[in-house]
Amino acid sequence: LKRGDVWNQLFQPAGGNGTEENPIIISSYGVGSRPVIEGASTYSNTLVINNGSWWTLRGLEFRGAKMGPQFLYTTLQNEGIVIEDNYIHDLVGGPVATALHVRCDSYDVIPEDTDDAWIAKNVLIQNNVIGPTSSYGIVVMNSNTAAKANALQNVIVKNNQLYRVSAKAIVFQCVKDSYWLGNYVDDAANAAQQGGTTASFLFRTENMHISNNIFVNTPDTQSS
């Protein structure tokens, strides 16, 4: 995408997969400010990739929509996603929306008693700036809360900056053998939500490595 340009529409590539040697890259060219994908309403999306392997999303700006970039899956054995150096801010979907999402949306992709199947692995989310925004921050999850933790594997969330994020800043659900490293979170979970307020959330995770992250200014919103 050309630097300095703004797109007021959903960017949804037709699909397909790259390879480890030749990933599909969505990035910028030219000089000037980052290319911007801007939503038009509280119901709009910015970028959606469905069932993609070996995709890289780098150096773009997303704003003004309900949802930031989404990598959505309804199939098994996807891998090789890199999301780096993006600026995501001022989303308007409220605390049920998400700035950056890697998610399985089909409840029957992995039966809950399956140990050896996986939806996505080898995902790197690094050096992004998220906020201010009324939404969640980074969410990596299987929507089926009964599924085992092996749905998403080797997910690395590293050196991201998140600030003034109204809902939870980092969420992992049904994730295994993964990492939170060197992230900085300031003033997250600043909107009252049912079930309590927290800057980070882990559910059905295994073998998580969490180190050198900084969480500051998480307010008491009197949530219950």
Protein backbone atom coordinates (compact mmCIF):
# COMPACT_ATOMS: atom_id res chain seq x y z
CA LEU A 1 0.00 0.00 0.00
CA LYS A 2 1.26 3.49 -0.85
CA ARG A 3 2.49 5.60 2.04
CA GLY A 4 0.41 8.71 2.64
CA ASP A 5 -2.82 7.18 1.28
CA VAL A 6 -6.01 6.43 3.24
CA TRP A 7 -8.58 3.69 2.45
CA ASN A 8 -12.08 4.02 3.94
CA GLN A 9 -13.10 0.42 3.36
CA LEU A 10 -12.62 -3.17 4.44
CA PHE A 11 -9.47 -4.79 3.05
CA GLN A 12 -10.24 -8.50 2.64
CA PRO A 13 -7.89 -10.37 0.29
CA ALA A 14 -9.41 -13.29 -1.58
CA GLY A 15 -7.28 -15.76 0.40
CA GLY A 16 -4.53 -18.17 -0.43
CA ASN A 17 -1.30 -19.11 1.30
CA GLY A 18 2.30 -18.12 1.01
CA THR A 19 5.20 -20.37 1.90
CA GLU A 20 7.94 -20.16 4.51
CA GLU A 21 10.36 -19.02 1.80
CA ASN A 22 7.87 -16.67 0.09
CA PRO A 23 5.21 -15.34 2.48
CA ILE A 24 2.43 -13.06 1.30
CA ILE A 25 3.35 -9.59 2.61
CA ILE A 26 0.96 -6.68 3.15
CA SER A 27 3.14 -3.63 3.74
CA SER A 28 3.97 -0.18 2.35
CA TYR A 29 6.03 1.50 -0.34
CA GLY A 30 7.06 5.07 -1.10
CA VAL A 31 7.69 7.88 1.37
CA GLY A 32 5.57 9.66 3.94
CA SER A 33 3.22 8.51 6.68
CA ARG A 34 1.95 4.96 7.07
CA PRO A 35 -0.85 3.79 4.79
CA VAL A 36 -4.13 4.01 6.72
CA ILE A 37 -7.10 1.65 6.62
CA GLU A 38 -9.94 3.53 8.28
CA GLY A 39 -13.36 2.24 9.21
CA ALA A 40 -16.56 4.09 8.60
CA SER A 41 -18.70 3.10 11.60
CA THR A 42 -19.00 1.10 14.81
CA TYR A 43 -19.97 -1.93 12.69
CA SER A 44 -17.07 -1.86 10.24
CA ASN A 45 -13.89 -3.92 10.00
CA THR A 46 -10.48 -2.91 8.67
CA LEU A 47 -8.66 -6.05 7.48
CA VAL A 48 -9.73 -9.72 7.50
CA ILE A 49 -7.61 -12.73 6.47
CA ASN A 50 -9.46 -16.07 6.44
CA ASN A 51 -7.63 -19.39 6.89
CA GLY A 52 -4.29 -17.94 5.82
CA SER A 53 -0.81 -19.41 6.28
CA TRP A 54 2.48 -17.58 5.77
CA TRP A 55 1.14 -14.03 5.79
CA THR A 56 3.01 -10.95 7.04
CA LEU A 57 1.26 -7.70 8.01
CA ARG A 58 3.78 -4.89 8.49
CA GLY A 59 3.97 -1.14 8.90
CA LEU A 60 0.32 -0.10 8.46
CA GLU A 61 -2.11 2.06 10.44
CA PHE A 62 -5.66 1.03 11.38
CA ARG A 63 -8.25 3.33 12.96
CA GLY A 64 -11.87 4.38 13.23
CA ALA A 65 -13.56 0.98 12.86
CA LYS A 66 -15.14 -1.54 15.20
CA MET A 67 -12.31 -4.06 14.67
CA GLY A 68 -8.64 -3.86 13.81
CA PRO A 69 -6.83 -6.56 11.79
CA GLN A 70 -8.31 -10.06 12.12
CA PHE A 71 -6.85 -13.45 11.20
CA LEU A 72 -9.81 -15.83 11.39
CA TYR A 73 -9.75 -19.63 11.12
CA THR A 74 -12.24 -22.41 10.50
CA THR A 75 -9.67 -25.01 9.34
CA LEU A 76 -6.76 -26.92 10.86
CA GLN A 77 -3.00 -26.59 10.43
CA ASN A 78 -2.46 -22.94 9.56
CA GLU A 79 0.89 -21.34 10.38
CA GLY A 80 3.46 -18.67 9.75
CA ILE A 81 1.67 -15.41 10.66
CA VAL A 82 3.76 -12.29 11.36
CA ILE A 83 2.08 -9.06 12.54
CA GLU A 84 4.67 -6.37 13.22
CA ASP A 85 5.28 -2.64 13.39
CA ASN A 86 1.62 -1.61 12.98
CA TYR A 87 -0.18 1.29 14.64
CA ILE A 88 -3.76 0.51 15.72
CA HIS A 89 -5.78 3.17 17.51
CA ASP A 90 -9.09 4.93 18.07
CA LEU A 91 -11.30 1.96 17.32
CA VAL A 92 -14.91 2.75 18.05
CA GLY A 93 -16.50 -0.64 18.70
CA GLY A 94 -16.36 -0.31 22.47
CA PRO A 95 -15.03 -2.86 24.98
CA VAL A 96 -16.45 -5.84 23.04
CA ALA A 97 -14.31 -5.03 19.98
CA THR A 98 -10.66 -6.00 19.42
CA ALA A 99 -7.64 -4.13 18.09
CA LEU A 100 -5.79 -7.25 16.89
CA HIS A 101 -7.36 -10.69 16.66
CA VAL A 102 -6.13 -14.22 15.85
CA ARG A 103 -9.17 -16.43 16.38
CA CYS A 104 -10.82 -19.73 15.55
CA ASP A 105 -14.52 -19.14 14.95
CA SER A 106 -15.80 -22.67 14.36
CA TYR A 107 -16.66 -24.66 17.47
CA ASP A 108 -16.28 -28.06 15.82
CA VAL A 109 -12.84 -27.59 14.20
CA ILE A 110 -11.14 -29.36 17.10
CA PRO A 111 -13.17 -31.81 19.19
CA GLU A 112 -12.52 -31.15 22.85
CA ASP A 113 -10.92 -34.58 23.37
CA THR A 114 -8.32 -34.22 20.58
CA ASP A 115 -4.68 -33.83 21.63
CA ASP A 116 -2.77 -33.74 18.35
CA ALA A 117 -4.75 -31.32 16.15
CA TRP A 118 -4.03 -27.62 15.99
CA ILE A 119 -5.58 -24.61 14.30
CA ALA A 120 -2.66 -22.20 14.01
CA LYS A 121 0.95 -22.12 15.15
CA ASN A 122 4.12 -20.12 14.69
CA VAL A 123 2.48 -16.73 15.11
CA LEU A 124 4.66 -13.67 15.83
CA ILE A 125 3.08 -10.41 17.04
CA GLN A 126 5.78 -7.84 17.72
CA ASN A 127 6.64 -4.14 17.84
CA ASN A 128 3.06 -2.94 17.38
CA VAL A 129 1.63 0.17 19.04
CA ILE A 130 -2.00 -0.15 20.13
CA GLY A 131 -3.99 2.69 21.64
CA PRO A 132 -5.71 4.74 22.60
CA THR A 133 -8.73 2.57 21.84
CA SER A 134 -12.08 1.68 23.37
CA SER A 135 -11.55 -2.01 22.54
CA TYR A 136 -9.56 -5.05 23.67
CA GLY A 137 -5.90 -5.08 22.67
CA ILE A 138 -4.29 -8.33 21.43
CA VAL A 139 -6.56 -11.39 21.54
CA VAL A 140 -5.46 -14.91 20.51
CA MET A 141 -8.16 -17.49 21.13
CA ASN A 142 -10.33 -20.41 20.19
CA SER A 143 -13.95 -19.40 20.62
CA ASN A 144 -14.75 -22.88 21.94
CA THR A 145 -13.92 -22.51 25.63
CA ALA A 146 -14.29 -26.30 26.08
CA ALA A 147 -11.44 -27.03 23.66
CA LYS A 148 -8.01 -28.10 24.87
CA ALA A 149 -5.07 -25.73 25.05
CA ASN A 150 -3.43 -27.08 21.90
CA ALA A 151 -5.64 -25.08 19.48
CA LEU A 152 -3.02 -22.35 19.00
CA GLN A 153 0.69 -23.05 19.50
CA ASN A 154 3.99 -21.17 19.58
CA VAL A 155 2.41 -17.73 19.63
CA ILE A 156 4.94 -15.03 20.50
CA VAL A 157 3.70 -11.60 21.65
CA LYS A 158 6.83 -9.49 21.99
CA ASN A 159 7.82 -5.85 22.48
CA ASN A 160 4.38 -4.38 21.87
CA GLN A 161 3.20 -1.12 23.45
CA LEU A 162 -0.43 -0.88 24.53
CA TYR A 163 -1.87 2.18 26.24
CA ARG A 164 -5.33 3.50 27.15
CA VAL A 165 -6.96 0.23 26.13
CA SER A 166 -10.48 0.19 27.56
CA ALA A 167 -10.80 -3.60 27.84
CA LYS A 168 -8.18 -6.29 28.50
CA ALA A 169 -4.82 -5.58 26.84
CA ILE A 170 -3.59 -9.14 26.14
CA VAL A 171 -5.81 -12.25 26.09
CA PHE A 172 -4.85 -15.89 25.38
CA GLN A 173 -7.45 -18.67 25.34
CA CYS A 174 -6.72 -22.30 24.37
CA VAL A 175 -3.06 -21.54 23.67
CA LYS A 176 -0.02 -23.76 24.29
CA ASP A 177 3.80 -23.40 24.30
CA SER A 178 3.69 -19.62 23.86
CA TYR A 179 5.29 -16.38 25.04
CA TRP A 180 4.65 -12.87 26.33
CA LEU A 181 7.99 -11.05 26.25
CA GLY A 182 8.88 -7.42 26.88
CA ASN A 183 5.46 -5.87 26.36
CA TYR A 184 4.55 -2.53 27.93
CA VAL A 185 0.92 -1.97 28.98
CA ASP A 186 -0.22 1.36 30.42
CA ASP A 187 -3.78 2.20 31.55
CA ALA A 188 -5.49 -0.93 30.29
CA ALA A 189 -8.88 -2.27 31.40
CA ASN A 190 -10.08 1.24 32.20
CA ALA A 191 -13.75 0.52 31.45
CA ALA A 192 -15.97 -1.30 33.94
CA GLN A 193 -16.88 -4.79 32.70
CA GLN A 194 -18.97 -7.63 34.04
CA GLY A 195 -16.72 -10.23 35.62
CA GLY A 196 -14.06 -7.81 36.78
CA THR A 197 -11.26 -5.74 35.35
CA THR A 198 -7.86 -7.08 34.37
CA ALA A 199 -5.09 -5.88 32.05
CA SER A 200 -4.24 -9.45 30.98
CA PHE A 201 -6.15 -12.73 30.85
CA LEU A 202 -5.19 -16.39 30.38
CA PHE A 203 -7.72 -19.21 30.02
CA ARG A 204 -6.99 -22.86 29.15
CA THR A 205 -3.32 -22.23 28.46
CA GLU A 206 -0.34 -24.57 28.90
CA ASN A 207 3.41 -24.02 29.09
CA MET A 208 3.29 -20.23 28.93
CA HIS A 209 6.51 -18.21 29.22
CA ILE A 210 5.89 -14.69 30.56
CA SER A 211 8.84 -12.41 31.28
CA ASN A 212 9.96 -8.77 31.28
CA ASN A 213 6.48 -7.37 30.72
CA ILE A 214 5.46 -4.12 32.42
CA PHE A 215 1.87 -3.35 33.44
CA VAL A 216 1.22 0.09 34.96
CA ASN A 217 -1.77 2.27 35.86
CA THR A 218 -4.43 -0.44 35.75
CA PRO A 219 -7.37 1.34 37.42
CA ASP A 220 -9.93 0.04 39.88
CA THR A 221 -13.17 0.44 37.92
CA GLN A 222 -15.34 -1.17 40.62
CA SER A 223 -16.26 -3.92 38.14
CA SER A 224 -18.07 -6.96 39.51
